[in-house]
């Protein structure tokens, strides 16, 4: 009997500690990508690229490696209003000098006046102010003593932010794929048609929740060598396609950007970092709403990324919060929802369309863009939004910071419960 009580006590202690310790990520066997692919192939139109780069405007600007500009960038832009300072983060040594920043759009350019600068953790942090109060979506160019850089569609300037505002949720473009079921179709062609429709809606911004590329299950071959084309080419194609929106796009990765396979000649995960930088999470605010996103893959977030996400969510807990990710791998999103007040969750991956409420939280699963699926959200005010002609209202709950004392109370409660159970058993005996 004593041994059973001891085991029960140890079990309670283990469960308590598991609630307190930081989340750890373990790749389960069930979540590993399968190494099975259909046998059919589809040859590309060009021996080196899926399409002819020279015939696509801005391709050379979009398909650039991640350089000195860390923020804002093409996948994590900044939206500012007239007379609002624009924060810029760049890499570079402490001795870098002669910094110049310029904004470019069609038939127009303007200089960013540097208000202040600081060198922290091997990064330069600048406060700048546009020289012209002119609305538009701009590319950001950097020049300094150590080099230059260019990021497309990194900054949007508007006169003011007002309710209502709109954004579109898209996911799972899987550039480029070729499906051979009842009918043959190229996902790239359909994606571009749907992106043109979204552009016509002219939302304030777009949130993209992963699987931009098809990755290791790609069926496009180089017609000269007969080998599968690099994952890097897929990513460059996808980034160019998003650029055709002419809108700010907040883009995070899914599992297909991080699923390595011997089928591809390059390291697919490195491509994302090389073109979109080392940080897999992002956040921005628009009026009273905070949007927090993270790239999700089979392995989930690492401990450092989870701590950063927790800090972001706790610092912005007074606003209505939208959490966006590709899929709830390793229950990362579930854990965030349990711990922080989050009003809306956006994700994809499942290739279905679903909109539902659970515990007063709105969840939206977006079907793939190549299935002609995208959804426009209208934010009506600081606590409500509309989608599909239905209005959802949210009560902003206060965030209570966990303290060591609260953990101690939980542990004490479970300990007392254990003793009570043991005592009850002795009485029965």
Protein backbone atom coordinates (compact mmCIF):
# COMPACT_ATOMS: atom_id res chain seq x y z
CA UNK A 1 0.00 0.00 0.00
CA UNK A 2 2.85 2.35 0.85
CA UNK A 3 4.48 1.73 -2.51
CA UNK A 4 1.21 2.52 -4.33
CA UNK A 5 0.83 5.78 -2.39
CA UNK A 6 4.43 6.64 -3.18
CA UNK A 7 3.88 6.01 -6.89
CA UNK A 8 0.69 8.10 -6.82
CA UNK A 9 2.56 10.96 -5.14
CA UNK A 10 5.37 10.81 -7.66
CA UNK A 11 2.83 10.90 -10.50
CA UNK A 12 1.21 14.04 -9.04
CA UNK A 13 4.66 15.62 -8.66
CA UNK A 14 5.56 14.79 -12.27
CA UNK A 15 2.35 16.33 -13.60
CA UNK A 16 2.94 19.46 -11.52
CA UNK A 17 6.51 19.86 -12.75
CA UNK A 18 5.39 19.34 -16.35
CA UNK A 19 3.09 22.35 -16.00
CA UNK A 20 5.91 24.52 -14.68
CA UNK A 21 8.87 23.58 -16.85
CA UNK A 22 9.32 25.22 -20.29
CA UNK A 23 7.78 23.42 -23.22
CA UNK A 24 10.13 20.95 -24.89
CA UNK A 25 9.79 19.75 -28.47
CA UNK A 26 10.11 16.06 -29.33
CA UNK A 27 9.52 14.90 -32.89
CA UNK A 28 7.10 12.00 -32.72
CA UNK A 29 7.27 9.15 -35.20
CA UNK A 30 3.73 9.77 -36.37
CA UNK A 31 4.55 13.36 -37.38
CA UNK A 32 7.60 12.58 -39.48
CA UNK A 33 7.05 13.30 -43.18
CA UNK A 34 6.51 10.15 -45.18
CA UNK A 35 9.01 9.17 -47.83
CA UNK A 36 6.46 8.10 -50.44
CA UNK A 37 5.80 9.97 -53.64
CA UNK A 38 3.71 9.16 -56.72
CA UNK A 39 5.68 8.07 -59.76
CA UNK A 40 4.50 10.55 -62.38
CA UNK A 41 6.58 13.56 -63.43
CA UNK A 42 5.92 16.86 -65.18
CA UNK A 43 8.62 18.67 -67.11
CA UNK A 44 9.16 22.40 -66.67
CA UNK A 45 9.03 24.87 -69.52
CA UNK A 46 12.58 26.07 -68.95
CA UNK A 47 15.75 24.06 -68.30
CA UNK A 48 16.76 26.28 -65.38
CA UNK A 49 13.55 27.79 -63.99
CA UNK A 50 9.85 26.98 -63.85
CA UNK A 51 9.19 30.10 -65.90
CA UNK A 52 11.21 32.66 -67.82
CA UNK A 53 12.42 35.21 -65.27
CA UNK A 54 13.10 37.89 -67.86
CA UNK A 55 9.42 38.02 -68.81
CA UNK A 56 8.24 38.65 -65.25
CA UNK A 57 8.48 42.23 -63.97
CA UNK A 58 10.24 42.74 -60.62
CA UNK A 59 11.34 39.10 -60.40
CA UNK A 60 14.99 40.03 -59.98
CA UNK A 61 14.07 42.45 -57.17
CA UNK A 62 11.84 39.97 -55.35
CA UNK A 63 14.04 36.90 -55.68
CA UNK A 64 16.92 38.35 -53.66
CA UNK A 65 18.73 36.68 -50.82
CA UNK A 66 18.10 38.02 -47.33
CA UNK A 67 20.68 40.75 -46.77
CA UNK A 68 21.41 43.56 -44.36
CA UNK A 69 17.79 44.67 -43.88
CA UNK A 70 16.35 42.57 -41.07
CA UNK A 71 13.11 44.54 -40.63
CA UNK A 72 10.88 45.52 -42.36
CA UNK A 73 11.04 43.05 -45.23
CA UNK A 74 8.86 41.46 -47.91
CA UNK A 75 7.43 38.83 -45.53
CA UNK A 76 7.18 41.07 -42.47
CA UNK A 77 6.34 44.60 -43.69
CA UNK A 78 5.59 47.76 -41.73
CA UNK A 79 2.40 49.85 -42.12
CA UNK A 80 2.74 53.44 -40.89
CA UNK A 81 0.63 56.59 -41.03
CA UNK A 82 1.65 60.13 -41.95
CA UNK A 83 4.27 61.58 -39.58
CA UNK A 84 4.79 58.21 -37.89
CA UNK A 85 8.37 57.06 -37.39
CA UNK A 86 9.52 53.99 -39.30
CA UNK A 87 11.74 51.61 -37.31
CA UNK A 88 14.41 49.79 -39.31
CA UNK A 89 16.71 47.00 -38.09
CA UNK A 90 19.81 46.05 -40.06
CA UNK A 91 22.89 43.92 -39.69
CA UNK A 92 26.36 45.43 -39.93
CA UNK A 93 29.43 46.01 -37.82
CA UNK A 94 29.61 48.75 -35.18
CA UNK A 95 31.92 50.72 -37.48
CA UNK A 96 29.44 50.88 -40.39
CA UNK A 97 28.69 54.44 -41.46
CA UNK A 98 27.17 56.62 -44.19
CA UNK A 99 23.72 55.08 -43.77
CA UNK A 100 21.10 56.01 -46.36
CA UNK A 101 17.55 54.69 -46.67
CA UNK A 102 15.24 55.28 -49.64
CA UNK A 103 11.66 54.27 -50.36
CA UNK A 104 10.71 53.40 -53.94
CA UNK A 105 7.40 52.82 -55.68
CA UNK A 106 6.27 53.15 -59.29
CA UNK A 107 7.37 56.55 -60.64
CA UNK A 108 8.18 57.85 -57.16
CA UNK A 109 10.96 57.79 -54.55
CA UNK A 110 11.65 59.48 -51.26
CA UNK A 111 14.41 59.66 -48.69
CA UNK A 112 14.02 58.45 -45.12
CA UNK A 113 15.45 60.96 -42.67
CA UNK A 114 17.35 59.25 -39.84
CA UNK A 115 16.09 60.53 -36.48
CA UNK A 116 18.16 58.27 -34.22
CA UNK A 117 20.32 55.14 -34.33
CA UNK A 118 21.58 52.60 -31.83
CA UNK A 119 23.81 49.54 -32.04
CA UNK A 120 22.47 46.67 -29.92
CA UNK A 121 23.26 42.93 -30.03
CA UNK A 122 25.16 43.22 -33.31
CA UNK A 123 22.23 44.99 -34.96
CA UNK A 124 21.65 48.60 -35.97
CA UNK A 125 18.29 50.02 -34.90
CA UNK A 126 17.16 53.19 -36.67
CA UNK A 127 14.26 55.56 -36.21
CA UNK A 128 13.47 57.21 -39.51
CA UNK A 129 10.84 59.55 -40.90
CA UNK A 130 9.68 59.70 -44.53
CA UNK A 131 10.51 62.99 -46.22
CA UNK A 132 7.15 63.01 -48.06
CA UNK A 133 3.67 62.29 -46.77
CA UNK A 134 2.58 60.28 -49.80
CA UNK A 135 0.47 57.14 -49.58
CA UNK A 136 1.64 53.97 -51.24
CA UNK A 137 3.34 50.59 -50.98
CA UNK A 138 7.11 51.03 -51.10
CA UNK A 139 10.26 49.02 -51.59
CA UNK A 140 13.03 49.76 -49.08
CA UNK A 141 16.60 50.38 -50.23
CA UNK A 142 19.66 50.59 -47.97
CA UNK A 143 23.13 51.91 -48.74
CA UNK A 144 26.02 52.23 -46.29
CA UNK A 145 29.79 51.90 -46.05
CA UNK A 146 29.52 48.11 -45.79
CA UNK A 147 27.16 47.44 -48.67
CA UNK A 148 23.59 47.76 -49.91
CA UNK A 149 20.30 45.89 -49.73
CA UNK A 150 16.80 46.01 -51.22
CA UNK A 151 13.48 44.63 -49.93
CA UNK A 152 10.32 44.76 -52.04
CA UNK A 153 6.96 45.86 -50.61
CA UNK A 154 8.45 46.37 -47.16
CA UNK A 155 6.67 49.62 -46.19
CA UNK A 156 3.14 50.89 -46.66
CA UNK A 157 2.33 54.53 -45.88
CA UNK A 158 -1.29 55.55 -45.35
CA UNK A 159 -2.91 58.79 -44.22
CA UNK A 160 -4.56 57.22 -41.19
CA UNK A 161 -5.73 53.91 -39.75
CA UNK A 162 -9.49 53.75 -39.29
CA UNK A 163 -12.25 51.26 -38.58
CA UNK A 164 -13.40 49.26 -40.35
CA UNK A 165 -10.30 47.75 -41.91
CA UNK A 166 -9.93 44.50 -43.82
CA UNK A 167 -7.41 41.74 -44.33
CA UNK A 168 -7.41 38.53 -46.35
CA UNK A 169 -6.31 35.14 -45.04
CA UNK A 170 -4.66 32.79 -47.56
CA UNK A 171 -2.75 29.56 -47.12
CA UNK A 172 -1.24 26.52 -48.87
CA UNK A 173 -0.34 27.73 -52.35
CA UNK A 174 2.12 24.84 -52.84
CA UNK A 175 4.06 26.49 -55.70
CA UNK A 176 4.51 24.79 -58.12
CA UNK A 177 2.54 21.55 -58.23
CA UNK A 178 0.96 19.41 -60.87
CA UNK A 179 -2.01 17.26 -59.88
CA UNK A 180 -2.96 14.26 -61.99
CA UNK A 181 -6.27 12.95 -60.74
CA UNK A 182 -9.52 13.24 -62.68
CA UNK A 183 -8.15 16.37 -64.35
CA UNK A 184 -4.71 17.84 -64.83
CA UNK A 185 -4.00 21.29 -63.47
CA UNK A 186 -1.09 23.44 -62.47
CA UNK A 187 -1.49 25.03 -59.04
CA UNK A 188 0.68 27.99 -60.07
CA UNK A 189 -1.76 29.09 -62.76
CA UNK A 190 -4.74 28.91 -60.38
CA UNK A 191 -2.88 30.66 -57.57
CA UNK A 192 -2.04 33.59 -59.81
CA UNK A 193 -5.68 33.90 -60.88
CA UNK A 194 -6.82 33.99 -57.25
CA UNK A 195 -4.12 36.46 -56.25
CA UNK A 196 -5.43 38.80 -58.94
CA UNK A 197 -8.90 38.57 -57.35
CA UNK A 198 -7.48 39.42 -53.92
CA UNK A 199 -5.59 42.37 -55.36
CA UNK A 200 -8.87 43.71 -56.78
CA UNK A 201 -10.42 43.59 -53.29
CA UNK A 202 -7.63 45.91 -52.08
CA UNK A 203 -7.57 44.86 -48.40
CA UNK A 204 -5.31 46.67 -45.96
CA UNK A 205 -2.99 43.66 -45.75
CA UNK A 206 -2.77 39.89 -46.31
CA UNK A 207 -1.88 37.14 -43.81
CA UNK A 208 -0.36 34.02 -45.37
CA UNK A 209 -0.22 30.95 -43.13
CA UNK A 210 2.34 28.68 -44.70
CA UNK A 211 3.12 26.04 -47.33
CA UNK A 212 4.06 28.60 -49.93
CA UNK A 213 5.90 25.86 -51.82
CA UNK A 214 5.32 22.19 -52.52
CA UNK A 215 8.81 21.19 -51.45
CA UNK A 216 9.93 17.57 -51.49
CA UNK A 217 6.82 16.22 -53.22
CA UNK A 218 7.52 18.34 -56.29
CA UNK A 219 6.93 16.72 -59.67
CA UNK A 220 8.53 19.36 -61.88
CA UNK A 221 11.71 18.22 -63.58
CA UNK A 222 14.47 19.97 -65.43
CA UNK A 223 13.86 18.86 -69.05
CA UNK A 224 17.61 18.90 -69.78
CA UNK A 225 18.93 16.97 -66.78
CA UNK A 226 15.74 15.10 -65.81
CA UNK A 227 16.38 15.98 -62.16
CA UNK A 228 13.97 17.65 -59.77
CA UNK A 229 14.32 21.41 -59.60
CA UNK A 230 15.74 23.03 -56.50
CA UNK A 231 13.48 24.04 -53.63
CA UNK A 232 15.08 27.46 -53.91
CA UNK A 233 13.41 27.96 -57.30
CA UNK A 234 10.03 27.11 -55.81
CA UNK A 235 10.49 29.68 -53.05
CA UNK A 236 11.56 32.39 -55.47
CA UNK A 237 8.50 31.66 -57.60
CA UNK A 238 6.21 31.86 -54.56
CA UNK A 239 7.70 35.14 -53.35
CA UNK A 240 7.34 36.67 -56.79
CA UNK A 241 3.69 35.55 -56.93
CA UNK A 242 2.93 37.21 -53.57
CA UNK A 243 4.61 40.36 -54.84
CA UNK A 244 2.02 40.59 -57.63
CA UNK A 245 -0.60 41.39 -54.98
CA UNK A 246 0.85 44.88 -54.52
CA UNK A 247 -0.17 44.60 -50.87
CA UNK A 248 1.62 44.18 -47.55
CA UNK A 249 1.88 40.41 -46.97
CA UNK A 250 2.71 38.86 -43.60
CA UNK A 251 4.06 35.45 -44.51
CA UNK A 252 5.10 32.57 -42.24
CA UNK A 253 6.31 29.12 -43.26
CA UNK A 254 4.63 25.74 -42.98
CA UNK A 255 5.93 22.19 -42.91
CA UNK A 256 6.52 22.04 -46.67
CA UNK A 257 9.18 24.77 -46.44
CA UNK A 258 10.99 22.69 -43.80
CA UNK A 259 10.42 19.07 -44.97
CA UNK A 260 13.78 17.87 -46.25
CA UNK A 261 14.05 15.09 -48.84
CA UNK A 262 16.79 13.51 -50.91
CA UNK A 263 14.51 14.21 -53.87
CA UNK A 264 15.66 17.83 -53.88
CA UNK A 265 19.30 18.77 -54.53
CA UNK A 266 19.36 21.59 -51.94
CA UNK A 267 18.62 21.94 -48.23
CA UNK A 268 15.06 23.20 -48.27
CA UNK A 269 15.04 24.66 -44.75
CA UNK A 270 18.10 26.78 -45.53
CA UNK A 271 16.26 28.36 -48.47
CA UNK A 272 13.71 29.95 -46.14
CA UNK A 273 16.39 31.37 -43.89
CA UNK A 274 18.46 32.54 -46.86
CA UNK A 275 15.56 34.47 -48.43
CA UNK A 276 13.45 35.47 -45.43
CA UNK A 277 15.85 35.61 -42.51
CA UNK A 278 16.51 33.70 -39.27
CA UNK A 279 13.43 34.71 -37.23
CA UNK A 280 10.38 32.44 -37.54
CA UNK A 281 7.93 34.58 -35.56
CA UNK A 282 6.52 38.06 -36.15
CA UNK A 283 4.04 40.52 -34.70
CA UNK A 284 2.46 43.83 -35.64
CA UNK A 285 -0.37 46.03 -34.47
CA UNK A 286 -3.15 47.72 -36.39
CA UNK A 287 -5.21 50.09 -34.27
CA UNK A 288 -6.38 48.08 -31.23
CA UNK A 289 -5.53 44.68 -32.71
CA UNK A 290 -2.29 42.76 -32.30
CA UNK A 291 -1.35 40.08 -34.84
CA UNK A 292 1.18 37.47 -33.73
CA UNK A 293 2.41 34.77 -36.10
CA UNK A 294 4.98 32.00 -36.13
CA UNK A 295 6.25 29.54 -38.70
CA UNK A 296 5.23 26.01 -37.74
CA UNK A 297 6.85 22.79 -38.91
CA UNK A 298 6.78 19.15 -37.76
CA UNK A 299 9.38 19.85 -35.06
CA UNK A 300 7.43 22.78 -33.59
CA UNK A 301 9.06 25.81 -32.01
CA UNK A 302 12.25 25.52 -30.00
CA UNK A 303 12.45 26.66 -26.37
CA UNK A 304 13.92 30.07 -27.21
CA UNK A 305 11.22 30.78 -29.79
CA UNK A 306 8.50 29.77 -27.34
CA UNK A 307 9.88 32.18 -24.74
CA UNK A 308 9.93 34.98 -27.33
CA UNK A 309 6.34 34.23 -28.34
CA UNK A 310 5.27 34.25 -24.71
CA UNK A 311 6.89 37.63 -24.20
CA UNK A 312 5.16 39.08 -27.27
CA UNK A 313 1.76 37.72 -26.23
CA UNK A 314 2.08 38.95 -22.64
CA UNK A 315 3.25 42.43 -23.68
CA UNK A 316 0.25 42.85 -26.02
CA UNK A 317 -2.39 41.17 -23.88
CA UNK A 318 -4.46 44.36 -23.49
CA UNK A 319 -5.33 44.32 -27.22
CA UNK A 320 -7.50 41.93 -29.15
CA UNK A 321 -5.08 39.30 -30.44
CA UNK A 322 -5.01 37.30 -33.66
CA UNK A 323 -2.66 34.30 -33.60
CA UNK A 324 -1.66 32.93 -37.00
CA UNK A 325 0.39 29.82 -37.76
CA UNK A 326 0.40 26.94 -40.21
CA UNK A 327 -0.75 24.10 -37.94
CA UNK A 328 -0.81 23.23 -34.26
CA UNK A 329 2.31 21.06 -34.37
CA UNK A 330 3.39 19.92 -30.88
CA UNK A 331 0.35 21.78 -29.47
CA UNK A 332 2.27 25.09 -29.58
CA UNK A 333 -0.85 27.06 -30.51
CA UNK A 334 -2.98 25.19 -27.98
CA UNK A 335 -0.52 26.03 -25.22
CA UNK A 336 -0.53 29.71 -26.18
CA UNK A 337 -4.33 29.77 -26.20
CA UNK A 338 -4.46 28.19 -22.74
CA UNK A 339 -2.06 30.74 -21.29
CA UNK A 340 -2.94 34.02 -23.02
CA UNK A 341 -6.14 35.85 -24.00
CA UNK A 342 -6.36 35.26 -27.77
CA UNK A 343 -9.51 36.13 -29.73
CA UNK A 344 -8.83 34.65 -33.19
CA UNK A 345 -6.72 31.77 -34.54
CA UNK A 346 -5.85 31.54 -38.25
CA UNK A 347 -4.19 28.51 -39.82
CA UNK A 348 -4.18 26.17 -42.82
CA UNK A 349 -2.46 22.82 -43.50
CA UNK A 350 -5.59 20.67 -43.33
CA UNK A 351 -6.79 21.64 -46.84
CA UNK A 352 -10.33 22.24 -45.64
CA UNK A 353 -12.42 25.35 -45.00
CA UNK A 354 -13.78 25.77 -41.48
CA UNK A 355 -14.90 28.63 -39.25
CA UNK A 356 -15.98 27.86 -35.70
CA UNK A 357 -16.07 29.11 -32.12
CA UNK A 358 -14.48 27.19 -29.26
CA UNK A 359 -14.32 28.57 -25.71
CA UNK A 360 -15.20 32.02 -27.07
CA UNK A 361 -12.21 31.89 -29.46
CA UNK A 362 -12.81 32.12 -33.22
CA UNK A 363 -10.88 29.60 -35.32
CA UNK A 364 -10.48 29.82 -39.08
CA UNK A 365 -8.95 27.02 -41.14
CA UNK A 366 -8.23 28.23 -44.66
CA UNK A 367 -8.50 25.85 -47.60
CA UNK A 368 -5.69 26.03 -50.20
CA UNK A 369 -5.51 28.97 -52.56
CA UNK A 370 -5.23 26.53 -55.48
CA UNK A 371 -8.67 25.27 -54.45
CA UNK A 372 -9.73 28.89 -54.98
CA UNK A 373 -10.01 29.51 -51.27
CA UNK A 374 -9.35 32.82 -49.52
CA UNK A 375 -11.29 34.69 -46.85
CA UNK A 376 -11.69 38.41 -46.17
CA UNK A 377 -12.07 39.57 -42.56
CA UNK A 378 -13.50 42.98 -41.68
CA UNK A 379 -12.44 44.37 -38.31
CA UNK A 380 -15.34 46.55 -37.19
CA UNK A 381 -13.98 48.01 -33.96
CA UNK A 382 -11.67 47.17 -31.05
CA UNK A 383 -13.69 44.09 -30.01
CA UNK A 384 -15.59 42.77 -33.04
CA UNK A 385 -15.06 41.50 -36.58
CA UNK A 386 -17.19 40.30 -39.46
CA UNK A 387 -16.62 37.38 -41.81
CA UNK A 388 -19.08 35.69 -44.17
CA UNK A 389 -21.76 38.21 -43.16
CA UNK A 390 -21.53 37.13 -39.52
CA UNK A 391 -20.34 39.43 -36.72
CA UNK A 392 -18.32 38.08 -33.80
CA UNK A 393 -17.94 40.08 -30.59
CA UNK A 394 -15.17 39.48 -28.09
CA UNK A 395 -14.78 40.31 -24.43
CA UNK A 396 -11.19 41.31 -23.75
CA UNK A 397 -10.13 39.34 -20.71
CA UNK A 398 -7.27 40.53 -18.46
CA UNK A 399 -4.01 38.63 -18.59
CA UNK A 400 -2.77 37.41 -15.20
CA UNK A 401 0.98 37.00 -15.09
CA UNK A 402 1.97 33.61 -13.65
CA UNK A 403 4.04 34.00 -10.49
CA UNK A 404 6.14 31.56 -8.47
CA UNK A 405 3.59 31.88 -5.65
CA UNK A 406 0.80 30.64 -7.94
CA UNK A 407 2.90 27.62 -8.85
CA UNK A 408 3.62 27.02 -5.17
CA UNK A 409 -0.10 27.16 -4.44
CA UNK A 410 -0.80 24.63 -7.20
CA UNK A 411 1.87 22.30 -5.85
CA UNK A 412 0.58 22.67 -2.28
CA UNK A 413 -2.99 21.96 -3.40
CA UNK A 414 -1.96 18.79 -5.21
CA UNK A 415 0.12 17.69 -2.25
CA UNK A 416 -2.81 18.16 0.13
CA UNK A 417 -5.03 16.27 -2.30
CA UNK A 418 -2.54 13.39 -2.34
CA UNK A 419 -2.43 13.23 1.45
CA UNK A 420 -6.23 13.34 1.64
CA UNK A 421 -6.54 10.41 -0.73
CA UNK A 422 -4.00 8.41 1.25
CA UNK A 423 -5.77 9.20 4.54
CA UNK A 424 -9.14 8.17 3.10
CA UNK A 425 -7.69 4.84 2.00
CA UNK A 426 -6.27 4.21 5.47
CA UNK A 427 -9.66 4.92 7.06
CA UNK A 428 -11.36 2.46 4.71
CA UNK A 429 -8.71 -0.11 5.51
